[in-house]
Amino acid sequence: MERQARNTAGIITNATASRAPVAAATTAPVAARTVNQILNGMLDSEGYKKRLNELLGDRAPQFISAVITLCNADANLTAAVRQAPQTVIQAALKAASYDLPVDNALGFAYIVPFNNSKKADDGSWIKIPEAQFILGYKGMIQLALRTGAYKRLNVMDVREGELISCDRLTEDFEFRWE
């Protein structure tokens, strides 16, 4: 266990192309720091490193790179990292706990920024972008199959005119496939 902890001590920093020192990342003003510096500064703490190690093991650097790439690719998510980075990390940890990738192209899980209203000290309301974990339909299928309760699970679109009847009580459906 100690060897694994030593091996992953620098995984957060090594997970990205940016090699900026963590000390500089944690002392610079938030507006001047890059997304990489903000996330690396937070994720390099012992608590987050330990949790990521528990959840992902050797895949932690790959997962962190995916989260940082995702945040850099979306301006709204970048704003969430700058104003509420802990929400991005929490959403990423939830995806990691389900062992689902957060790549939008895959459709298993998403980290989505929402503009939440918060009451300021002066009593006015302000919008703050905060990230939230959203489970995609492919993630739902994956989690259902992992339970072992399903032998097979089919998912397909039903187009107009193909649904003949639906019994909402028994959940029996009748389709006309052409």
Foldseek 3Di string as FASTA:
>chain_A
DVVLCVVCLCLLCVLDPDNDDLVCLVPDQLVPHFLSNLVSNVCNDPVNSVLLCVLPNPCSSVQSNQLSVVCVVDPLSVQQCSFPVVLSVVLSSVCSNLPHHQHVVVFAKHWDWDFDWDQDPVRDIGTGTGIHIDGGPVNVVVSVVVVVPDPDDDDDDDDPPQWDDADPVVRDTHGDDD
